[in-house]
Amino acid sequence: MDNLFESDLHSGFHAISEENGSISNFSIARLFGIKVLENIQDKIAKATGLAFVTVDYRGEPITEMTSFTPFCQQVRKDENAKRICMSSDAFGAIQAAVTQKTYVYFCPCGLIEIAIPIIVRGHYLGGFIGGQIRCGDAPTDICRLESVLHHDRNHREDPEMERLFESIAIYPYEKFFHIANLVSLIVNQLAEKELSRLVQKENLDKELEVLNEQKKEMEAELAALKTQMNPYFLFKSLNAISNLSVVEDAPRTNRAINLFAEFMKSNFSETRDNVFVSEEIENLERYLKIQKERMGDQLEYVLDISDELNMQKIPSRILLPFVERAVFYGIGQKKEHGTLRIAAQYQGDDVVFQIEDNGPGFGDKKIAQLFKQYKGSYEGGAIEASIAFSRQRLVNSFGSGYDAVIKSADGVGTTSTVRYPKNFDEKAN
C-alpha cells in the first residue's frame, strides 16, 4: 500500500514537472536564493511557531529544515521513518500544486501540516511545507495520512517519544488556518516582488549589453575618423604647402610644413577620450594657422578663452568639426575678409563653447541646395559626417540635453554651440 502510494506521488510530480517545463529554468531557488529562502523560513517559523521546509516544483526539499520539533527530528533519524515523512511532505506539495491553494492535512504521526504553494504569474514554482502542530478540533474532512502511510512501529509507544510528542504545541484549527493563509500571502507577495526585481535586472543587463555594443561601434567609428580625418583638408593643405615651396624658398613654407606636421602628429597620436581645454585649443589653433596660410587675409580668427578654463577637461577633438564647418561654409564662401571667433565660458554647472563666423549664414536647406550636385563627395560631406559623430558622442555621454546647436542667420553668419557638464566622470590624463 505504502509503495503504491509513493509511486502515485512520483507519477503526479512527473506530470506537474511536464506542465511546468517552461519554468524549469526559472526555479524558486533562482528566484530567491537558498540562503534567502532559509532566512525567510527562519523568520516565519519564529513568528508562527511552525516548522518549515521548502520544496521545488518537483517536490524535492531544497532548504534545511527549520524549527522541526524534537519529536520529528527523532523520528527522522530512522531511514524508513524518514522516507515515510518525506512522502507525507511530497503528498502535501502535490496537492497544493494541483489545486494551487494552501492544503491542510495530518501527517502519519497525527500532526497537522500545511503545504503553501508558491505561485508566480500562474506558474507553480514550489512550496513551503510547515506545521508539526497538534490540533484537536480540525474538521473531519481534513485528510489523515495515517490511514495510507504507516510507520514500521508506533513511535509513541516509547515513553521518551511520547513525552516529546506531548510537548508539541496545540493550536486551534481556526488559528492554524489563519496563520497558513497569512504565510501564503507573505510568501507569494515576496515571490512576485523578487520576480519583478529579477526581470528588471535582466532587462537592465540586456540594455547595458546593447549600450556596450554601441560604445564599441562608436569607438570603432572614432578610430576610423581618426585615420580618415578630413581628406579634403589634407589635400588642400598639401597643395598649399606645395605651391608655397614653388614660389618661395622662405620661412612661410617651413612654417606651413611644421604646422601641418604638428597637427597631423597631434591627431594621429592622441588616444585619450578627453583632454584639457588648453590642449584642445592648441590643436584648433594649429588647424586655423594652416588654414590662414592657405586663405591669407580672407581668414581672421579670435580665441576668446579665459585662463580659468585651461585645466578644464573636454572630450577630445569634439570642437574641430564645428570649426571646420565655420571655415568651409562660412569664411570659405565669402569673397571678402571674414572672421571666425571661438569663445568659451562657464554657465552654471556647464562649460559652453561657441564657434561663430560672419559668413553668408547658410542653413542646412541652403547647403543641400547649393551643393546638391556633389552628392556628398566634397569637403562639406566629410565635415557633416564629423559633426554628426560629435553630436552623437555628446548625447551618448551626457544626455539629449547636451546635443550641439547650430544656428544660421542669412547674411549674418553661423554660431555653433557646444555644451557639456563641468564635472564628468572621465578624467584628463
Protein backbone atom coordinates (compact mmCIF):
# COMPACT_ATOMS: atom_id res chain seq x y z
CA MET A 1 0.00 0.00 0.00
CA ASP A 2 2.75 2.40 1.02
CA ASN A 3 4.86 1.67 -2.09
CA LEU A 4 1.81 2.08 -4.33
CA PHE A 5 1.04 5.45 -2.69
CA GLU A 6 4.62 6.66 -3.16
CA SER A 7 4.58 5.52 -6.80
CA ASP A 8 1.45 7.59 -7.37
CA LEU A 9 3.20 10.59 -5.83
CA HIS A 10 6.15 10.28 -8.21
CA SER A 11 3.79 9.96 -11.18
CA GLY A 12 1.93 13.05 -10.05
CA PHE A 13 5.10 15.08 -9.75
CA HIS A 14 6.24 13.91 -13.18
CA ALA A 15 3.00 15.25 -14.69
CA ILE A 16 3.42 18.59 -12.90
CA SER A 17 7.06 18.78 -14.00
CA GLU A 18 5.99 18.33 -17.63
CA GLU A 19 3.32 21.01 -17.25
CA ASN A 20 5.79 23.43 -15.65
CA GLY A 21 8.63 22.65 -18.05
CA SER A 22 8.59 26.22 -19.30
CA ILE A 23 9.61 27.49 -15.87
CA SER A 24 12.15 24.80 -15.02
CA ASN A 25 14.88 27.30 -15.83
CA PHE A 26 13.24 29.86 -13.56
CA SER A 27 13.15 27.96 -10.28
CA ILE A 28 12.27 29.02 -6.77
CA ALA A 29 15.94 28.63 -5.84
CA ARG A 30 16.94 31.02 -8.62
CA LEU A 31 14.17 33.43 -7.69
CA PHE A 32 15.14 33.78 -4.02
CA GLY A 33 18.44 32.00 -3.49
CA ILE A 34 18.74 29.17 -0.95
CA LYS A 35 20.13 31.39 1.82
CA VAL A 36 17.32 33.91 1.41
CA LEU A 37 14.73 31.11 1.47
CA GLU A 38 16.18 29.72 4.68
CA ASN A 39 16.21 33.22 6.18
CA ILE A 40 12.51 33.64 5.27
CA GLN A 41 11.76 30.21 6.72
CA ASP A 42 13.53 31.07 9.94
CA LYS A 43 11.69 34.37 10.44
CA ILE A 44 8.27 32.86 9.65
CA ALA A 45 8.95 29.88 11.92
CA LYS A 46 9.88 32.15 14.83
CA ALA A 47 6.80 34.33 14.28
CA THR A 48 4.31 31.46 13.93
CA GLY A 49 5.79 28.62 15.98
CA LEU A 50 5.56 26.29 12.97
CA ALA A 51 8.30 24.15 11.44
CA PHE A 52 9.12 24.70 7.75
CA VAL A 53 11.00 23.26 4.80
CA THR A 54 10.91 24.47 1.16
CA VAL A 55 10.42 22.14 -1.80
CA ASP A 56 10.85 22.84 -5.51
CA TYR A 57 8.15 22.27 -8.12
CA ARG A 58 9.13 18.57 -8.25
CA GLY A 59 8.57 18.23 -4.50
CA GLU A 60 12.27 17.89 -3.66
CA PRO A 61 13.46 19.63 -0.46
CA ILE A 62 15.91 22.44 -1.30
CA THR A 63 16.47 24.00 2.14
CA GLU A 64 17.49 22.87 5.58
CA MET A 65 14.68 22.03 7.99
CA THR A 66 13.73 25.00 10.17
CA SER A 67 12.35 24.66 13.74
CA PHE A 68 11.49 20.97 13.37
CA THR A 69 10.15 19.60 16.66
CA PRO A 70 12.40 17.29 18.71
CA PHE A 71 9.80 14.54 18.16
CA CYS A 72 10.00 14.83 14.36
CA GLN A 73 13.78 15.06 14.45
CA GLN A 74 13.95 11.82 16.40
CA VAL A 75 11.51 10.07 14.06
CA ARG A 76 13.56 11.09 11.00
CA LYS A 77 16.72 9.56 12.41
CA ASP A 78 15.30 6.21 11.28
CA GLU A 79 15.76 5.94 7.49
CA ASN A 80 12.49 4.09 6.88
CA ALA A 81 10.58 6.57 9.04
CA LYS A 82 12.31 9.47 7.28
CA ARG A 83 11.17 8.08 3.92
CA ILE A 84 7.56 7.96 5.16
CA CYS A 85 7.82 11.56 6.45
CA MET A 86 9.21 12.80 3.13
CA SER A 87 6.40 11.02 1.28
CA SER A 88 3.98 12.87 3.54
CA ASP A 89 5.64 16.19 2.62
CA ALA A 90 5.50 15.25 -1.05
CA PHE A 91 1.79 14.44 -0.76
CA GLY A 92 1.06 17.89 0.65
CA ALA A 93 3.20 19.58 -2.01
CA ILE A 94 1.47 17.82 -4.90
CA GLN A 95 -1.99 18.64 -3.53
CA ALA A 96 -1.00 22.30 -3.26
CA ALA A 97 0.48 22.20 -6.77
CA VAL A 98 -2.63 20.65 -8.31
CA THR A 99 -5.15 22.91 -6.56
CA GLN A 100 -2.81 25.95 -6.42
CA LYS A 101 -4.20 26.58 -2.95
CA THR A 102 -2.93 26.12 0.59
CA TYR A 103 -3.51 22.47 1.53
CA VAL A 104 -4.04 21.29 5.14
CA TYR A 105 -3.59 17.64 6.16
CA PHE A 106 -2.45 15.38 9.03
CA CYS A 107 0.88 13.57 8.72
CA PRO A 108 1.20 9.82 9.53
CA CYS A 109 2.19 10.72 13.11
CA GLY A 110 -1.03 12.70 13.64
CA LEU A 111 0.43 16.22 13.45
CA ILE A 112 -1.34 18.86 11.36
CA GLU A 113 0.62 20.20 8.37
CA ILE A 114 0.22 22.80 5.63
CA ALA A 115 1.55 22.91 2.09
CA ILE A 116 1.70 26.51 0.84
CA PRO A 117 2.16 26.77 -2.95
CA ILE A 118 4.44 29.49 -4.29
CA ILE A 119 2.72 30.66 -7.45
CA VAL A 120 4.12 33.45 -9.61
CA ARG A 121 2.11 34.72 -12.56
CA GLY A 122 0.19 31.47 -12.79
CA HIS A 123 3.24 29.20 -12.50
CA TYR A 124 3.82 26.85 -9.56
CA LEU A 125 7.47 27.16 -8.54
CA GLY A 126 7.44 25.11 -5.34
CA GLY A 127 6.06 25.34 -1.85
CA PHE A 128 6.54 25.84 1.86
CA ILE A 129 5.77 22.70 3.88
CA GLY A 130 5.09 23.59 7.50
CA GLY A 131 3.30 22.62 10.65
CA GLN A 132 4.23 19.86 13.13
CA ILE A 133 1.48 21.10 15.43
CA ARG A 134 -1.15 19.18 17.42
CA CYS A 135 -4.75 20.11 16.67
CA GLY A 136 -7.85 18.59 18.25
CA ASP A 137 -10.68 20.47 16.56
CA ALA A 138 -9.86 20.08 12.86
CA PRO A 139 -12.79 19.36 10.51
CA THR A 140 -13.42 15.68 9.85
CA ASP A 141 -12.87 16.09 6.12
CA ILE A 142 -9.20 17.00 6.60
CA CYS A 143 -7.03 14.28 5.04
CA ARG A 144 -5.30 11.98 7.57
CA LEU A 145 -2.35 10.17 6.03
CA GLU A 146 -2.01 7.68 8.88
CA SER A 147 -4.66 5.64 7.04
CA VAL A 148 -2.47 5.23 3.92
CA LEU A 149 1.12 5.77 5.13
CA HIS A 150 2.28 3.58 8.02
CA HIS A 151 5.49 3.67 10.03
CA ASP A 152 7.08 0.33 10.89
CA ARG A 153 6.33 0.96 14.52
CA ASN A 154 4.26 3.22 16.72
CA HIS A 155 6.83 5.75 17.93
CA ARG A 156 4.57 6.90 20.73
CA GLU A 157 4.86 3.52 22.45
CA ASP A 158 8.30 4.68 23.54
CA PRO A 159 7.88 6.75 26.77
CA GLU A 160 10.51 9.30 25.74
CA MET A 161 8.94 9.72 22.30
CA GLU A 162 5.52 10.07 23.91
CA ARG A 163 6.93 12.80 26.16
CA LEU A 164 8.34 14.62 23.13
CA PHE A 165 5.01 14.28 21.33
CA GLU A 166 3.08 15.69 24.29
CA SER A 167 5.46 18.69 24.40
CA ILE A 168 4.38 19.76 20.90
CA ALA A 169 2.23 22.92 20.87
CA ILE A 170 -1.53 22.68 20.37
CA TYR A 171 -3.23 25.18 18.04
CA PRO A 172 -6.97 25.59 17.44
CA TYR A 173 -7.74 24.80 13.81
CA GLU A 174 -9.02 28.30 13.08
CA LYS A 175 -5.79 29.88 14.32
CA PHE A 176 -3.70 27.38 12.37
CA PHE A 177 -5.68 28.03 9.19
CA HIS A 178 -5.38 31.81 9.51
CA ILE A 179 -1.63 31.51 10.05
CA ALA A 180 -1.40 29.37 6.92
CA ASN A 181 -3.23 31.98 4.83
CA LEU A 182 -1.09 34.80 6.23
CA VAL A 183 2.13 32.93 5.45
CA SER A 184 0.82 32.17 1.95
CA LEU A 185 0.09 35.87 1.36
CA ILE A 186 3.52 36.96 2.60
CA VAL A 187 5.49 34.35 0.67
CA ASN A 188 3.67 34.84 -2.63
CA GLN A 189 3.93 38.63 -2.45
CA LEU A 190 7.65 38.28 -1.80
CA ALA A 191 7.89 35.96 -4.80
CA GLU A 192 6.12 38.46 -7.07
CA LYS A 193 8.42 41.26 -5.93
CA GLU A 194 11.51 39.12 -6.40
CA LEU A 195 10.38 38.13 -9.88
CA SER A 196 9.79 41.76 -10.84
CA ARG A 197 13.21 42.70 -9.49
CA LEU A 198 14.90 39.83 -11.32
CA VAL A 199 13.12 40.59 -14.61
CA GLN A 200 14.03 44.27 -14.27
CA LYS A 201 17.66 43.35 -13.60
CA GLU A 202 17.74 41.07 -16.63
CA ASN A 203 16.24 43.83 -18.78
CA LEU A 204 18.82 46.31 -17.47
CA ASP A 205 21.59 43.80 -18.16
CA LYS A 206 20.35 43.46 -21.75
CA GLU A 207 20.18 47.25 -22.14
CA LEU A 208 23.69 47.54 -20.74
CA GLU A 209 24.88 44.92 -23.20
CA VAL A 210 23.33 46.89 -26.07
CA LEU A 211 24.93 50.13 -24.82
CA ASN A 212 28.31 48.42 -24.56
CA GLU A 213 27.95 47.23 -28.15
CA GLN A 214 27.02 50.75 -29.23
CA LYS A 215 30.04 52.10 -27.36
CA LYS A 216 32.30 49.65 -29.19
CA GLU A 217 30.78 50.70 -32.51
CA MET A 218 31.31 54.37 -31.67
CA GLU A 219 34.90 53.70 -30.66
CA ALA A 220 35.43 51.91 -33.97
CA GLU A 221 33.89 54.86 -35.84
CA LEU A 222 36.08 57.26 -33.90
CA ALA A 223 39.15 55.21 -34.76
CA ALA A 224 38.10 55.27 -38.40
CA LEU A 225 37.57 59.03 -38.30
CA LYS A 226 40.98 59.48 -36.72
CA THR A 227 42.59 57.68 -39.61
CA GLN A 228 40.43 59.33 -42.27
CA MET A 229 40.07 62.77 -40.67
CA ASN A 230 39.04 65.19 -43.42
CA PRO A 231 40.81 64.09 -46.62
CA TYR A 232 39.87 67.30 -48.47
CA PHE A 233 41.60 69.38 -45.82
CA LEU A 234 44.69 67.18 -46.12
CA PHE A 235 44.73 67.57 -49.91
CA LYS A 236 44.28 71.35 -49.79
CA SER A 237 46.94 71.70 -47.12
CA LEU A 238 49.40 69.64 -49.09
CA ASN A 239 48.58 71.64 -52.21
CA ALA A 240 49.09 74.94 -50.37
CA ILE A 241 52.43 73.77 -49.00
CA SER A 242 53.48 72.58 -52.45
CA ASN A 243 52.56 75.92 -54.04
CA LEU A 244 54.44 77.83 -51.38
CA SER A 245 57.54 75.78 -51.97
CA VAL A 246 57.39 76.73 -55.66
CA VAL A 247 57.00 80.48 -55.24
CA GLU A 248 59.44 80.92 -52.40
CA ASP A 249 62.15 79.11 -50.61
CA ALA A 250 61.32 81.03 -47.48
CA PRO A 251 60.15 80.81 -43.85
CA ARG A 252 56.46 80.59 -44.81
CA THR A 253 57.00 77.24 -46.45
CA ASN A 254 58.90 75.89 -43.49
CA ARG A 255 56.29 77.27 -41.09
CA ALA A 256 53.43 75.70 -43.04
CA ILE A 257 55.16 72.35 -43.20
CA ASN A 258 55.89 72.41 -39.47
CA LEU A 259 52.31 73.41 -38.62
CA PHE A 260 50.92 70.63 -40.73
CA ALA A 261 53.33 68.06 -39.27
CA GLU A 262 52.45 69.10 -35.71
CA PHE A 263 48.74 68.97 -36.45
CA MET A 264 48.97 65.52 -38.01
CA LYS A 265 51.13 64.21 -35.18
CA SER A 266 48.72 65.53 -32.57
CA ASN A 267 45.64 63.99 -34.20
CA PHE A 268 47.10 60.62 -35.04
CA SER A 269 48.94 60.09 -31.75
CA GLU A 270 46.18 61.28 -29.39
CA THR A 271 44.45 58.27 -27.79
CA ARG A 272 42.78 59.87 -24.75
CA ASP A 273 39.00 60.21 -24.66
CA ASN A 274 39.29 63.65 -23.11
CA VAL A 275 41.97 66.31 -22.71
CA PHE A 276 42.42 69.72 -21.13
CA VAL A 277 40.82 72.74 -22.81
CA SER A 278 44.27 74.26 -23.31
CA GLU A 279 45.30 71.19 -25.33
CA GLU A 280 42.10 71.22 -27.39
CA ILE A 281 42.51 74.93 -28.21
CA GLU A 282 46.17 74.43 -29.07
CA ASN A 283 45.17 71.79 -31.61
CA LEU A 284 42.43 74.02 -33.06
CA GLU A 285 44.91 76.86 -33.43
CA ARG A 286 47.26 74.61 -35.40
CA TYR A 287 44.37 73.90 -37.76
CA LEU A 288 43.47 77.59 -38.07
CA LYS A 289 47.08 78.63 -38.70
CA ILE A 290 47.28 76.12 -41.55
CA GLN A 291 44.02 77.49 -42.99
CA LYS A 292 45.40 81.00 -42.54
CA GLU A 293 48.42 80.05 -44.66
CA ARG A 294 46.05 78.76 -47.35
CA MET A 295 43.44 81.56 -47.25
CA GLY A 296 45.62 84.52 -46.35
CA ASP A 297 43.82 87.74 -45.39
CA GLN A 298 40.45 86.16 -46.15
CA LEU A 299 40.56 84.48 -42.73
CA GLU A 300 41.00 86.10 -39.36
CA TYR A 301 40.33 84.25 -36.12
CA VAL A 302 39.88 85.24 -32.50
CA LEU A 303 40.31 82.93 -29.48
CA ASP A 304 38.33 84.25 -26.52
CA ILE A 305 39.14 81.62 -23.88
CA SER A 306 39.58 82.56 -20.23
CA ASP A 307 42.68 81.23 -18.47
CA GLU A 308 40.43 79.68 -15.81
CA LEU A 309 39.31 77.14 -18.43
CA ASN A 310 42.81 75.91 -19.28
CA MET A 311 42.70 72.95 -16.89
CA GLN A 312 39.03 72.18 -17.56
CA LYS A 313 38.59 68.79 -19.20
CA ILE A 314 36.83 68.40 -22.54
CA PRO A 315 36.03 65.42 -24.82
CA SER A 316 38.96 65.14 -27.21
CA ARG A 317 38.51 66.71 -30.70
CA ILE A 318 34.86 67.48 -30.02
CA LEU A 319 35.17 71.06 -31.38
CA LEU A 320 37.19 70.54 -34.57
CA PRO A 321 34.26 69.58 -36.86
CA PHE A 322 32.37 72.76 -35.90
CA VAL A 323 35.46 74.89 -36.58
CA GLU A 324 35.89 73.12 -39.93
CA ARG A 325 32.26 73.95 -40.75
CA ALA A 326 32.79 77.63 -39.92
CA VAL A 327 35.84 77.78 -42.20
CA PHE A 328 34.32 75.89 -45.13
CA TYR A 329 30.67 77.04 -45.16
CA GLY A 330 31.34 80.39 -43.51
CA ILE A 331 34.61 82.14 -44.30
CA GLY A 332 35.34 79.99 -47.36
CA GLN A 333 32.11 81.10 -49.08
CA LYS A 334 32.86 84.84 -48.65
CA LYS A 335 34.64 86.84 -51.30
CA GLU A 336 35.89 89.36 -48.79
CA HIS A 337 37.56 89.22 -45.38
CA GLY A 338 35.90 87.03 -42.76
CA THR A 339 36.32 86.46 -39.03
CA LEU A 340 35.98 83.26 -37.01
CA ARG A 341 35.65 83.51 -33.23
CA ILE A 342 35.94 80.71 -30.66
CA ALA A 343 34.68 81.68 -27.19
CA ALA A 344 34.17 79.67 -24.01
CA GLN A 345 32.76 80.30 -20.56
CA TYR A 346 31.20 78.59 -17.57
CA GLN A 347 27.40 78.75 -17.38
CA GLY A 348 26.24 77.30 -14.09
CA ASP A 349 27.44 73.69 -13.97
CA ASP A 350 28.19 73.59 -17.70
CA VAL A 351 31.05 74.56 -19.99
CA VAL A 352 29.81 76.36 -23.12
CA PHE A 353 31.81 76.83 -26.33
CA GLN A 354 30.62 78.98 -29.22
CA ILE A 355 32.16 78.89 -32.68
CA GLU A 356 31.00 81.96 -34.63
CA ASP A 357 31.64 83.09 -38.19
CA ASN A 358 30.40 86.11 -40.16
CA GLY A 359 29.95 84.15 -43.36
CA PRO A 360 26.80 84.01 -45.52
CA GLY A 361 24.88 82.11 -42.84
CA PHE A 362 23.99 79.04 -44.88
CA GLY A 363 21.45 76.79 -43.15
CA ASP A 364 21.01 73.07 -43.86
CA LYS A 365 18.45 73.64 -46.64
CA LYS A 366 20.63 76.20 -48.40
CA ILE A 367 23.67 73.95 -48.14
CA ALA A 368 21.73 70.99 -49.56
CA GLN A 369 20.56 73.18 -52.45
CA LEU A 370 23.97 74.70 -53.26
CA PHE A 371 26.00 71.51 -53.01
CA LYS A 372 23.43 69.02 -54.32
CA GLN A 373 25.43 68.36 -57.49
CA TYR A 374 28.35 66.94 -55.47
CA LYS A 375 26.15 64.20 -53.90
CA GLY A 376 28.15 64.31 -50.68
CA SER A 377 31.52 63.84 -52.40
CA TYR A 378 33.04 67.12 -51.32
CA GLU A 379 34.69 68.59 -48.23
CA GLY A 380 31.37 69.60 -46.69
CA GLY A 381 30.14 65.99 -46.77
CA ALA A 382 33.09 64.85 -44.67
CA ILE A 383 32.59 67.79 -42.29
CA GLU A 384 28.88 66.98 -41.84
CA ALA A 385 29.73 63.35 -41.04
CA SER A 386 32.22 64.50 -38.39
CA ILE A 387 29.66 66.91 -36.88
CA ALA A 388 27.03 64.16 -36.72
CA PHE A 389 29.51 61.91 -34.91
CA SER A 390 30.48 64.64 -32.43
CA ARG A 391 26.82 65.39 -31.67
CA GLN A 392 26.04 61.72 -31.11
CA ARG A 393 29.08 61.45 -28.87
CA LEU A 394 27.85 64.36 -26.72
CA VAL A 395 24.34 62.89 -26.43
CA ASN A 396 25.58 59.39 -25.59
CA SER A 397 28.00 60.73 -22.99
CA PHE A 398 25.88 63.38 -21.28
CA GLY A 399 22.25 63.02 -22.41
CA SER A 400 19.95 64.56 -25.03
CA GLY A 401 20.10 67.95 -23.27
CA TYR A 402 23.72 68.28 -24.40
CA ASP A 403 23.23 67.99 -28.16
CA ALA A 404 25.15 70.68 -30.06
CA VAL A 405 23.10 73.53 -31.56
CA ILE A 406 23.89 75.17 -34.92
CA LYS A 407 22.07 78.42 -35.76
CA SER A 408 22.48 80.28 -39.04
CA ALA A 409 21.21 83.74 -40.00
CA ASP A 410 21.13 84.62 -43.70
CA GLY A 411 23.76 87.25 -44.47
CA VAL A 412 24.90 87.41 -40.84
CA GLY A 413 26.72 84.15 -40.13
CA THR A 414 26.54 80.92 -38.15
CA THR A 415 27.02 80.08 -34.47
CA SER A 416 27.66 76.53 -33.26
CA THR A 417 27.14 75.99 -29.51
CA VAL A 418 28.73 73.02 -27.77
CA ARG A 419 27.78 72.45 -24.14
CA TYR A 420 28.86 69.76 -21.69
CA PRO A 421 28.95 69.30 -17.87
CA LYS A 422 31.75 70.99 -15.97
CA ASN A 423 32.25 67.83 -13.94
CA PHE A 424 32.04 64.42 -15.59
CA ASP A 425 33.47 61.01 -14.74
CA GLU A 426 36.20 60.78 -17.31
CA LYS A 427 39.46 62.46 -16.31
CA ALA A 428 42.04 64.13 -18.50
CA ASN A 429 45.29 62.27 -18.17
